[in-house]
Amino acid sequence: NEPITLDESNYSLPSGITQTEEPGSQRTVQILAQRMIEISD
């Protein structure tokens, strides 16, 4: 449940949806892990 702040230096190209979200917003470790595997973010 640790919040991770989205940093523009770690933005990549699709697949995924996280690259469409604002830098500085936060997502938990579990959400990022879920996206990494489920939609190959």
PDB file of all heavy atoms in Angstrom:
ATOM      1  N   ASN A   1       0.801  -1.219   0.000  1.00  0.00           N
ATOM      2  CA  ASN A   1       0.000   0.000   0.000  1.00  0.00           C
ATOM      3  C   ASN A   1       0.836   1.272   0.000  1.00  0.00           C
ATOM      4  O   ASN A   1       0.293   2.376   0.120  1.00  0.00           O
ATOM      5  CB  ASN A   1      -0.951   0.007   1.195  1.00  0.00           C
ATOM      6  CG  ASN A   1      -1.989  -1.092   1.099  1.00  0.00           C
ATOM      7  OD1 ASN A   1      -2.508  -1.373   0.020  1.00  0.00           O
ATOM      8  ND2 ASN A   1      -2.292  -1.731   2.228  1.00  0.00           N
ATOM      9  N   GLU A   2       2.134   1.135  -0.123  1.00  0.00           N
ATOM     10  CA  GLU A   2       3.015   2.302  -0.137  1.00  0.00           C
ATOM     11  C   GLU A   2       2.743   3.152  -1.378  1.00  0.00           C
ATOM     12  O   GLU A   2       2.714   2.645  -2.501  1.00  0.00           O
ATOM     13  CB  GLU A   2       4.470   1.853  -0.127  1.00  0.00           C
ATOM     14  CG  GLU A   2       5.470   2.981  -0.140  1.00  0.00           C
ATOM     15  CD  GLU A   2       6.894   2.480  -0.026  1.00  0.00           C
ATOM     16  OE1 GLU A   2       7.106   1.421   0.604  1.00  0.00           O
ATOM     17  OE2 GLU A   2       7.802   3.147  -0.552  1.00  0.00           O
ATOM     18  N   PRO A   3       2.527   4.457  -1.211  1.00  0.00           N
ATOM     19  CA  PRO A   3       2.275   5.315  -2.372  1.00  0.00           C
ATOM     20  C   PRO A   3       3.567   5.640  -3.118  1.00  0.00           C
ATOM     21  O   PRO A   3       4.598   5.940  -2.504  1.00  0.00           O
ATOM     22  CB  PRO A   3       1.667   6.577  -1.756  1.00  0.00           C
ATOM     23  CG  PRO A   3       2.213   6.613  -0.370  1.00  0.00           C
ATOM     24  CD  PRO A   3       2.393   5.186   0.066  1.00  0.00           C
ATOM     25  N   ILE A   4       3.507   5.557  -4.431  1.00  0.00           N
ATOM     26  CA  ILE A   4       4.643   5.885  -5.289  1.00  0.00           C
ATOM     27  C   ILE A   4       4.278   7.112  -6.113  1.00  0.00           C
ATOM     28  O   ILE A   4       3.249   7.125  -6.798  1.00  0.00           O
ATOM     29  CB  ILE A   4       4.989   4.711  -6.232  1.00  0.00           C
ATOM     30  CG1 ILE A   4       5.247   3.437  -5.420  1.00  0.00           C
ATOM     31  CG2 ILE A   4       6.186   5.067  -7.112  1.00  0.00           C
ATOM     32  CD1 ILE A   4       6.326   3.547  -4.388  1.00  0.00           C
ATOM     33  N   THR A   5       5.098   8.130  -6.060  1.00  0.00           N
ATOM     34  CA  THR A   5       4.861   9.347  -6.830  1.00  0.00           C
ATOM     35  C   THR A   5       5.359   9.160  -8.257  1.00  0.00           C
ATOM     36  O   THR A   5       6.529   8.793  -8.473  1.00  0.00           O
ATOM     37  CB  THR A   5       5.569  10.547  -6.184  1.00  0.00           C
ATOM     38  OG1 THR A   5       5.088  10.713  -4.846  1.00  0.00           O
ATOM     39  CG2 THR A   5       5.304  11.821  -6.972  1.00  0.00           C
ATOM     40  N   LEU A   6       4.492   9.393  -9.218  1.00  0.00           N
ATOM     41  CA  LEU A   6       4.865   9.215 -10.620  1.00  0.00           C
ATOM     42  C   LEU A   6       5.866  10.291 -11.029  1.00  0.00           C
ATOM     43  O   LEU A   6       5.629  11.484 -10.844  1.00  0.00           O
ATOM     44  CB  LEU A   6       3.631   9.264 -11.511  1.00  0.00           C
ATOM     45  CG  LEU A   6       2.556   8.210 -11.238  1.00  0.00           C
ATOM     46  CD1 LEU A   6       1.445   8.285 -12.280  1.00  0.00           C
ATOM     47  CD2 LEU A   6       3.163   6.798 -11.215  1.00  0.00           C
ATOM     48  N   ASP A   7       6.985   9.831 -11.587  1.00  0.00           N
ATOM     49  CA  ASP A   7       8.104  10.697 -11.937  1.00  0.00           C
ATOM     50  C   ASP A   7       8.304  10.631 -13.448  1.00  0.00           C
ATOM     51  O   ASP A   7       8.434   9.548 -14.021  1.00  0.00           O
ATOM     52  CB  ASP A   7       9.363  10.216 -11.207  1.00  0.00           C
ATOM     53  CG  ASP A   7      10.551  11.139 -11.385  1.00  0.00           C
ATOM     54  OD1 ASP A   7      10.709  11.710 -12.485  1.00  0.00           O
ATOM     55  OD2 ASP A   7      11.339  11.267 -10.435  1.00  0.00           O
ATOM     56  N   GLU A   8       8.349  11.787 -14.074  1.00  0.00           N
ATOM     57  CA  GLU A   8       8.434  11.842 -15.537  1.00  0.00           C
ATOM     58  C   GLU A   8       9.649  11.102 -16.075  1.00  0.00           C
ATOM     59  O   GLU A   8       9.636  10.598 -17.199  1.00  0.00           O
ATOM     60  CB  GLU A   8       8.439  13.293 -16.007  1.00  0.00           C
ATOM     61  CG  GLU A   8       8.067  13.448 -17.465  1.00  0.00           C
ATOM     62  CD  GLU A   8       7.692  14.886 -17.793  1.00  0.00           C
ATOM     63  OE1 GLU A   8       7.804  15.758 -16.914  1.00  0.00           O
ATOM     64  OE2 GLU A   8       7.284  15.117 -18.948  1.00  0.00           O
ATOM     65  N   SER A   9      10.709  11.009 -15.284  1.00  0.00           N
ATOM     66  CA  SER A   9      11.915  10.319 -15.744  1.00  0.00           C
ATOM     67  C   SER A   9      11.690   8.821 -15.900  1.00  0.00           C
ATOM     68  O   SER A   9      12.489   8.141 -16.553  1.00  0.00           O
ATOM     69  CB  SER A   9      13.069  10.571 -14.775  1.00  0.00           C
ATOM     70  OG  SER A   9      12.822   9.968 -13.512  1.00  0.00           O
ATOM     71  N   ASN A  10      10.620   8.304 -15.304  1.00  0.00           N
ATOM     72  CA  ASN A  10      10.305   6.877 -15.409  1.00  0.00           C
ATOM     73  C   ASN A  10       9.123   6.608 -16.341  1.00  0.00           C
ATOM     74  O   ASN A  10       8.606   5.492 -16.361  1.00  0.00           O
ATOM     75  CB  ASN A  10      10.001   6.300 -14.024  1.00  0.00           C
ATOM     76  CG  ASN A  10      11.205   6.341 -13.110  1.00  0.00           C
ATOM     77  OD1 ASN A  10      12.328   6.084 -13.543  1.00  0.00           O
ATOM     78  ND2 ASN A  10      10.981   6.686 -11.846  1.00  0.00           N
ATOM     79  N   TYR A  11       8.709   7.616 -17.102  1.00  0.00           N
ATOM     80  CA  TYR A  11       7.621   7.409 -18.046  1.00  0.00           C
ATOM     81  C   TYR A  11       8.151   6.688 -19.283  1.00  0.00           C
ATOM     82  O   TYR A  11       9.278   6.925 -19.721  1.00  0.00           O
ATOM     83  CB  TYR A  11       6.981   8.740 -18.446  1.00  0.00           C
ATOM     84  CG  TYR A  11       5.908   9.201 -17.473  1.00  0.00           C
ATOM     85  CD1 TYR A  11       6.174   9.276 -16.103  1.00  0.00           C
ATOM     86  CD2 TYR A  11       4.651   9.559 -17.907  1.00  0.00           C
ATOM     87  CE1 TYR A  11       5.201   9.695 -15.206  1.00  0.00           C
ATOM     88  CE2 TYR A  11       3.666   9.983 -17.019  1.00  0.00           C
ATOM     89  CZ  TYR A  11       3.948  10.041 -15.670  1.00  0.00           C
ATOM     90  OH  TYR A  11       2.977  10.439 -14.780  1.00  0.00           O
ATOM     91  N   SER A  12       7.302   5.822 -19.832  1.00  0.00           N
ATOM     92  CA  SER A  12       7.672   5.039 -21.000  1.00  0.00           C
ATOM     93  C   SER A  12       6.542   5.109 -22.017  1.00  0.00           C
ATOM     94  O   SER A  12       5.581   5.878 -21.865  1.00  0.00           O
ATOM     95  CB  SER A  12       7.960   3.585 -20.581  1.00  0.00           C
ATOM     96  OG  SER A  12       8.500   2.842 -21.647  1.00  0.00           O
ATOM     97  N   LEU A  13       6.660   4.314 -23.057  1.00  0.00           N
ATOM     98  CA  LEU A  13       5.636   4.234 -24.099  1.00  0.00           C
ATOM     99  C   LEU A  13       4.694   3.076 -23.802  1.00  0.00           C
ATOM    100  O   LEU A  13       5.013   2.199 -23.005  1.00  0.00           O
ATOM    101  CB  LEU A  13       6.301   4.050 -25.471  1.00  0.00           C
ATOM    102  CG  LEU A  13       7.178   5.211 -25.936  1.00  0.00           C
ATOM    103  CD1 LEU A  13       7.851   4.860 -27.257  1.00  0.00           C
ATOM    104  CD2 LEU A  13       6.378   6.503 -26.069  1.00  0.00           C
ATOM    105  N   PRO A  14       3.517   3.054 -24.435  1.00  0.00           N
ATOM    106  CA  PRO A  14       2.608   1.920 -24.228  1.00  0.00           C
ATOM    107  C   PRO A  14       3.273   0.606 -24.634  1.00  0.00           C
ATOM    108  O   PRO A  14       4.231   0.605 -25.417  1.00  0.00           O
ATOM    109  CB  PRO A  14       1.440   2.251 -25.163  1.00  0.00           C
ATOM    110  CG  PRO A  14       1.524   3.727 -25.398  1.00  0.00           C
ATOM    111  CD  PRO A  14       2.986   4.051 -25.347  1.00  0.00           C
ATOM    112  N   SER A  15       2.766  -0.537 -24.079  1.00  0.00           N
ATOM    113  CA  SER A  15       1.424  -0.686 -23.548  1.00  0.00           C
ATOM    114  C   SER A  15       1.290  -0.144 -22.118  1.00  0.00           C
ATOM    115  O   SER A  15       2.273   0.054 -21.426  1.00  0.00           O
ATOM    116  CB  SER A  15       1.007  -2.172 -23.560  1.00  0.00           C
ATOM    117  OG  SER A  15       1.985  -2.949 -22.888  1.00  0.00           O
ATOM    118  N   GLY A  16      -0.016   0.033 -21.724  1.00  0.00           N
ATOM    119  CA  GLY A  16      -0.297   0.503 -20.398  1.00  0.00           C
ATOM    120  C   GLY A  16      -1.146   1.761 -20.394  1.00  0.00           C
ATOM    121  O   GLY A  16      -1.517   2.296 -21.449  1.00  0.00           O
ATOM    122  N   ILE A  17      -1.430   2.237 -19.178  1.00  0.00           N
ATOM    123  CA  ILE A  17      -2.195   3.471 -19.002  1.00  0.00           C
ATOM    124  C   ILE A  17      -1.478   4.473 -18.119  1.00  0.00           C
ATOM    125  O   ILE A  17      -1.804   5.660 -18.138  1.00  0.00           O
ATOM    126  CB  ILE A  17      -3.595   3.174 -18.404  1.00  0.00           C
ATOM    127  CG1 ILE A  17      -3.473   2.469 -17.042  1.00  0.00           C
ATOM    128  CG2 ILE A  17      -4.440   2.364 -19.376  1.00  0.00           C
ATOM    129  CD1 ILE A  17      -4.791   2.312 -16.316  1.00  0.00           C
ATOM    130  N   THR A  18      -0.499   4.035 -17.354  1.00  0.00           N
ATOM    131  CA  THR A  18       0.144   4.930 -16.387  1.00  0.00           C
ATOM    132  C   THR A  18       0.822   6.097 -17.077  1.00  0.00           C
ATOM    133  O   THR A  18       0.898   7.204 -16.517  1.00  0.00           O
ATOM    134  CB  THR A  18       1.150   4.154 -15.518  1.00  0.00           C
ATOM    135  OG1 THR A  18       0.503   2.994 -14.978  1.00  0.00           O
ATOM    136  CG2 THR A  18       1.664   4.994 -14.369  1.00  0.00           C
ATOM    137  N   GLN A  19       1.289   5.888 -18.315  1.00  0.00           N
ATOM    138  CA  GLN A  19       1.956   6.969 -19.051  1.00  0.00           C
ATOM    139  C   GLN A  19       0.999   8.111 -19.390  1.00  0.00           C
ATOM    140  O   GLN A  19       1.438   9.209 -19.742  1.00  0.00           O
ATOM    141  CB  GLN A  19       2.611   6.421 -20.325  1.00  0.00           C
ATOM    142  CG  GLN A  19       1.667   6.148 -21.500  1.00  0.00           C
ATOM    143  CD  GLN A  19       0.901   4.855 -21.350  1.00  0.00           C
ATOM    144  OE1 GLN A  19       1.159   4.068 -20.434  1.00  0.00           O
ATOM    145  NE2 GLN A  19      -0.025   4.599 -22.262  1.00  0.00           N
ATOM    146  N   THR A  20      -0.313   7.900 -19.246  1.00  0.00           N
ATOM    147  CA  THR A  20      -1.284   8.957 -19.528  1.00  0.00           C
ATOM    148  C   THR A  20      -1.633   9.760 -18.283  1.00  0.00           C
ATOM    149  O   THR A  20      -2.370  10.749 -18.369  1.00  0.00           O
ATOM    150  CB  THR A  20      -2.588   8.364 -20.101  1.00  0.00           C
ATOM    151  OG1 THR A  20      -3.256   7.602 -19.083  1.00  0.00           O
ATOM    152  CG2 THR A  20      -2.305   7.477 -21.303  1.00  0.00           C
ATOM    153  N   GLU A  21      -1.114   9.357 -17.127  1.00  0.00           N
ATOM    154  CA  GLU A  21      -1.475   9.999 -15.868  1.00  0.00           C
ATOM    155  C   GLU A  21      -0.452  11.079 -15.494  1.00  0.00           C
ATOM    156  O   GLU A  21       0.726  11.000 -15.882  1.00  0.00           O
ATOM    157  CB  GLU A  21      -1.607   8.942 -14.770  1.00  0.00           C
ATOM    158  CG  GLU A  21      -2.745   7.970 -15.102  1.00  0.00           C
ATOM    159  CD  GLU A  21      -2.836   6.780 -14.163  1.00  0.00           C
ATOM    160  OE1 GLU A  21      -1.851   6.511 -13.451  1.00  0.00           O
ATOM    161  OE2 GLU A  21      -3.883   6.105 -14.165  1.00  0.00           O
ATOM    162  N   GLU A  22      -0.894  12.052 -14.732  1.00  0.00           N
ATOM    163  CA  GLU A  22      -0.085  13.231 -14.461  1.00  0.00           C
ATOM    164  C   GLU A  22       1.135  12.902 -13.598  1.00  0.00           C
ATOM    165  O   GLU A  22       1.000  12.237 -12.557  1.00  0.00           O
ATOM    166  CB  GLU A  22      -0.920  14.288 -13.734  1.00  0.00           C
ATOM    167  CG  GLU A  22      -1.910  15.018 -14.629  1.00  0.00           C
ATOM    168  CD  GLU A  22      -1.212  15.855 -15.683  1.00  0.00           C
ATOM    169  OE1 GLU A  22      -0.158  16.480 -15.375  1.00  0.00           O
ATOM    170  OE2 GLU A  22      -1.704  15.883 -16.823  1.00  0.00           O
ATOM    171  N   PRO A  23       2.320  13.364 -13.996  1.00  0.00           N
ATOM    172  CA  PRO A  23       3.465  13.274 -13.098  1.00  0.00           C
ATOM    173  C   PRO A  23       3.144  13.977 -11.779  1.00  0.00           C
ATOM    174  O   PRO A  23       2.478  15.012 -11.761  1.00  0.00           O
ATOM    175  CB  PRO A  23       4.571  14.009 -13.864  1.00  0.00           C
ATOM    176  CG  PRO A  23       4.172  13.915 -15.301  1.00  0.00           C
ATOM    177  CD  PRO A  23       2.672  13.966 -15.302  1.00  0.00           C
ATOM    178  N   GLY A  24       3.602  13.386 -10.691  1.00  0.00           N
ATOM    179  CA  GLY A  24       3.320  13.927  -9.373  1.00  0.00           C
ATOM    180  C   GLY A  24       2.138  13.276  -8.693  1.00  0.00           C
ATOM    181  O   GLY A  24       1.991  13.377  -7.472  1.00  0.00           O
ATOM    182  N   SER A  25       1.282  12.603  -9.467  1.00  0.00           N
ATOM    183  CA  SER A  25       0.193  11.851  -8.850  1.00  0.00           C
ATOM    184  C   SER A  25       0.764  10.575  -8.240  1.00  0.00           C
ATOM    185  O   SER A  25       1.909  10.202  -8.513  1.00  0.00           O
ATOM    186  CB  SER A  25      -0.901  11.537  -9.864  1.00  0.00           C
ATOM    187  OG  SER A  25      -0.394  10.834 -10.981  1.00  0.00           O
ATOM    188  N   GLN A  26      -0.033   9.920  -7.407  1.00  0.00           N
ATOM    189  CA  GLN A  26       0.481   8.762  -6.679  1.00  0.00           C
ATOM    190  C   GLN A  26      -0.351   7.512  -6.971  1.00  0.00           C
ATOM    191  O   GLN A  26      -1.571   7.578  -7.126  1.00  0.00           O
ATOM    192  CB  GLN A  26       0.492   9.034  -5.173  1.00  0.00           C
ATOM    193  CG  GLN A  26       1.488  10.106  -4.767  1.00  0.00           C
ATOM    194  CD  GLN A  26       1.607  10.244  -3.263  1.00  0.00           C
ATOM    195  OE1 GLN A  26       0.643  10.050  -2.528  1.00  0.00           O
ATOM    196  NE2 GLN A  26       2.811  10.559  -2.796  1.00  0.00           N
ATOM    197  N   ARG A  27       0.354   6.388  -7.012  1.00  0.00           N
ATOM    198  CA  ARG A  27      -0.275   5.077  -7.155  1.00  0.00           C
ATOM    199  C   ARG A  27       0.448   4.134  -6.189  1.00  0.00           C
ATOM    200  O   ARG A  27       1.662   4.247  -5.978  1.00  0.00           O
ATOM    201  CB  ARG A  27      -0.157   4.543  -8.582  1.00  0.00           C
ATOM    202  CG  ARG A  27      -0.810   5.428  -9.639  1.00  0.00           C
ATOM    203  CD  ARG A  27      -2.315   5.491  -9.497  1.00  0.00           C
ATOM    204  NE  ARG A  27      -2.932   6.366 -10.513  1.00  0.00           N
ATOM    205  CZ  ARG A  27      -3.151   7.664 -10.366  1.00  0.00           C
ATOM    206  NH1 ARG A  27      -2.807   8.265  -9.229  1.00  0.00           N
ATOM    207  NH2 ARG A  27      -3.705   8.378 -11.319  1.00  0.00           N
ATOM    208  N   THR A  28      -0.268   3.191  -5.636  1.00  0.00           N
ATOM    209  CA  THR A  28       0.368   2.271  -4.694  1.00  0.00           C
ATOM    210  C   THR A  28       1.227   1.241  -5.417  1.00  0.00           C
ATOM    211  O   THR A  28       1.064   1.000  -6.626  1.00  0.00           O
ATOM    212  CB  THR A  28      -0.672   1.532  -3.851  1.00  0.00           C
ATOM    213  OG1 THR A  28      -1.438   0.667  -4.711  1.00  0.00           O
ATOM    214  CG2 THR A  28      -1.593   2.493  -3.121  1.00  0.00           C
ATOM    215  N   VAL A  29       2.099   0.608  -4.667  1.00  0.00           N
ATOM    216  CA  VAL A  29       2.921  -0.473  -5.207  1.00  0.00           C
ATOM    217  C   VAL A  29       2.035  -1.566  -5.808  1.00  0.00           C
ATOM    218  O   VAL A  29       2.305  -2.066  -6.910  1.00  0.00           O
ATOM    219  CB  VAL A  29       3.827  -1.058  -4.103  1.00  0.00           C
ATOM    220  CG1 VAL A  29       4.509  -2.341  -4.583  1.00  0.00           C
ATOM    221  CG2 VAL A  29       4.868  -0.032  -3.672  1.00  0.00           C
ATOM    222  N   GLN A  30       0.976  -1.935  -5.091  1.00  0.00           N
ATOM    223  CA  GLN A  30       0.116  -3.011  -5.587  1.00  0.00           C
ATOM    224  C   GLN A  30      -0.573  -2.632  -6.895  1.00  0.00           C
ATOM    225  O   GLN A  30      -0.674  -3.463  -7.810  1.00  0.00           O
ATOM    226  CB  GLN A  30      -0.925  -3.401  -4.541  1.00  0.00           C
ATOM    227  CG  GLN A  30      -1.759  -4.615  -4.975  1.00  0.00           C
ATOM    228  CD  GLN A  30      -2.626  -5.148  -3.853  1.00  0.00           C
ATOM    229  OE1 GLN A  30      -2.402  -4.842  -2.680  1.00  0.00           O
ATOM    230  NE2 GLN A  30      -3.602  -5.969  -4.201  1.00  0.00           N
ATOM    231  N   ILE A  31      -1.032  -1.399  -7.016  1.00  0.00           N
ATOM    232  CA  ILE A  31      -1.676  -0.976  -8.259  1.00  0.00           C
ATOM    233  C   ILE A  31      -0.684  -1.023  -9.413  1.00  0.00           C
ATOM    234  O   ILE A  31      -1.001  -1.514 -10.507  1.00  0.00           O
ATOM    235  CB  ILE A  31      -2.275   0.436  -8.099  1.00  0.00           C
ATOM    236  CG1 ILE A  31      -3.529   0.375  -7.236  1.00  0.00           C
ATOM    237  CG2 ILE A  31      -2.590   1.050  -9.464  1.00  0.00           C
ATOM    238  CD1 ILE A  31      -4.100   1.728  -6.889  1.00  0.00           C
ATOM    239  N   LEU A  32       0.528  -0.537  -9.198  1.00  0.00           N
ATOM    240  CA  LEU A  32       1.531  -0.565 -10.262  1.00  0.00           C
ATOM    241  C   LEU A  32       1.900  -2.000 -10.624  1.00  0.00           C
ATOM    242  O   LEU A  32       2.065  -2.327 -11.814  1.00  0.00           O
ATOM    243  CB  LEU A  32       2.762   0.222  -9.842  1.00  0.00           C
ATOM    244  CG  LEU A  32       2.568   1.734  -9.670  1.00  0.00           C
ATOM    245  CD1 LEU A  32       3.874   2.398  -9.248  1.00  0.00           C
ATOM    246  CD2 LEU A  32       2.039   2.375 -10.952  1.00  0.00           C
ATOM    247  N   ALA A  33       2.025  -2.877  -9.634  1.00  0.00           N
ATOM    248  CA  ALA A  33       2.327  -4.284  -9.912  1.00  0.00           C
ATOM    249  C   ALA A  33       1.190  -4.938 -10.688  1.00  0.00           C
ATOM    250  O   ALA A  33       1.426  -5.713 -11.632  1.00  0.00           O
ATOM    251  CB  ALA A  33       2.585  -5.032  -8.610  1.00  0.00           C
ATOM    252  N   GLN A  34      -0.049  -4.641 -10.294  1.00  0.00           N
ATOM    253  CA  GLN A  34      -1.210  -5.188 -11.003  1.00  0.00           C
ATOM    254  C   GLN A  34      -1.204  -4.753 -12.462  1.00  0.00           C
ATOM    255  O   GLN A  34      -1.401  -5.559 -13.374  1.00  0.00           O
ATOM    256  CB  GLN A  34      -2.500  -4.710 -10.332  1.00  0.00           C
ATOM    257  CG  GLN A  34      -3.770  -5.347 -10.887  1.00  0.00           C
ATOM    258  CD  GLN A  34      -3.996  -6.746 -10.346  1.00  0.00           C
ATOM    259  OE1 GLN A  34      -3.904  -6.957  -9.143  1.00  0.00           O
ATOM    260  NE2 GLN A  34      -4.265  -7.693 -11.221  1.00  0.00           N
ATOM    261  N   ARG A  35      -0.964  -3.475 -12.687  1.00  0.00           N
ATOM    262  CA  ARG A  35      -0.926  -2.981 -14.069  1.00  0.00           C
ATOM    263  C   ARG A  35       0.223  -3.602 -14.853  1.00  0.00           C
ATOM    264  O   ARG A  35       0.086  -3.901 -16.043  1.00  0.00           O
ATOM    265  CB  ARG A  35      -0.780  -1.455 -14.060  1.00  0.00           C
ATOM    266  CG  ARG A  35      -2.004  -0.711 -13.560  1.00  0.00           C
ATOM    267  CD  ARG A  35      -1.739   0.789 -13.534  1.00  0.00           C
ATOM    268  NE  ARG A  35      -2.915   1.549 -13.118  1.00  0.00           N
ATOM    269  CZ  ARG A  35      -2.964   2.886 -13.058  1.00  0.00           C
ATOM    270  NH1 ARG A  35      -1.874   3.592 -13.372  1.00  0.00           N
ATOM    271  NH2 ARG A  35      -4.065   3.494 -12.677  1.00  0.00           N
ATOM    272  N   MET A  36       1.376  -3.768 -14.204  1.00  0.00           N
ATOM    273  CA  MET A  36       2.547  -4.334 -14.878  1.00  0.00           C
ATOM    274  C   MET A  36       2.251  -5.712 -15.452  1.00  0.00           C
ATOM    275  O   MET A  36       2.666  -6.039 -16.582  1.00  0.00           O
ATOM    276  CB  MET A  36       3.726  -4.418 -13.903  1.00  0.00           C
ATOM    277  CG  MET A  36       4.954  -5.096 -14.483  1.00  0.00           C
ATOM    278  SD  MET A  36       6.389  -5.053 -13.383  1.00  0.00           S
ATOM    279  CE  MET A  36       5.861  -6.173 -12.064  1.00  0.00           C
ATOM    280  N   ILE A  37       1.528  -6.546 -14.708  1.00  0.00           N
ATOM    281  CA  ILE A  37       1.275  -7.901 -15.147  1.00  0.00           C
ATOM    282  C   ILE A  37      -0.020  -8.003 -15.953  1.00  0.00           C
ATOM    283  O   ILE A  37      -0.048  -8.599 -17.031  1.00  0.00           O
ATOM    284  CB  ILE A  37       1.221  -8.859 -13.933  1.00  0.00           C
ATOM    285  CG1 ILE A  37       2.549  -8.806 -13.155  1.00  0.00           C
ATOM    286  CG2 ILE A  37       0.933 -10.282 -14.404  1.00  0.00           C
ATOM    287  CD1 ILE A  37       3.775  -9.188 -13.953  1.00  0.00           C
ATOM    288  N   GLU A  38      -1.087  -7.383 -15.462  1.00  0.00           N
ATOM    289  CA  GLU A  38      -2.391  -7.561 -16.105  1.00  0.00           C
ATOM    290  C   GLU A  38      -2.452  -6.916 -17.483  1.00  0.00           C
ATOM    291  O   GLU A  38      -2.974  -7.515 -18.432  1.00  0.00           O
ATOM    292  CB  GLU A  38      -3.492  -6.994 -15.214  1.00  0.00           C
ATOM    293  CG  GLU A  38      -4.890  -7.207 -15.772  1.00  0.00           C
ATOM    294  CD  GLU A  38      -5.981  -6.713 -14.850  1.00  0.00           C
ATOM    295  OE1 GLU A  38      -5.659  -6.204 -13.744  1.00  0.00           O
ATOM    296  OE2 GLU A  38      -7.165  -6.811 -15.228  1.00  0.00           O
ATOM    297  N   ILE A  39      -1.931  -5.695 -17.623  1.00  0.00           N
ATOM    298  CA  ILE A  39      -1.998  -5.012 -18.914  1.00  0.00           C
ATOM    299  C   ILE A  39      -0.610  -4.667 -19.443  1.00  0.00           C
ATOM    300  O   ILE A  39      -0.462  -3.879 -20.365  1.00  0.00           O
ATOM    301  CB  ILE A  39      -2.868  -3.744 -18.831  1.00  0.00           C
ATOM    302  CG1 ILE A  39      -2.315  -2.747 -17.802  1.00  0.00           C
ATOM    303  CG2 ILE A  39      -4.314  -4.099 -18.526  1.00  0.00           C
ATOM    304  CD1 ILE A  39      -3.041  -1.393 -17.813  1.00  0.00           C
ATOM    305  N   SER A  40       0.409  -5.277 -18.859  1.00  0.00           N
ATOM    306  CA  SER A  40       1.798  -5.106 -19.293  1.00  0.00           C
ATOM    307  C   SER A  40       2.184  -3.631 -19.372  1.00  0.00           C
ATOM    308  O   SER A  40       2.803  -3.175 -20.336  1.00  0.00           O
ATOM    309  CB  SER A  40       2.030  -5.793 -20.644  1.00  0.00           C
ATOM    310  OG  SER A  40       3.374  -6.188 -20.778  1.00  0.00           O
ATOM    311  N   ASP A  41       1.859  -2.898 -18.337  1.00  0.00           N
ATOM    312  CA  ASP A  41       2.062  -1.458 -18.278  1.00  0.00           C
ATOM    313  C   ASP A  41       3.553  -1.149 -18.130  1.00  0.00           C
ATOM    314  O   ASP A  41       4.177  -1.454 -17.116  1.00  0.00           O
ATOM    315  CB  ASP A  41       1.271  -0.894 -17.094  1.00  0.00           C
ATOM    316  CG  ASP A  41       1.174   0.610 -17.089  1.00  0.00           C
ATOM    317  OD1 ASP A  41       2.217   1.280 -17.203  1.00  0.00           O
ATOM    318  OD2 ASP A  41       0.043   1.113 -16.950  1.00  0.00           O
TER     319      ASP A  41
END
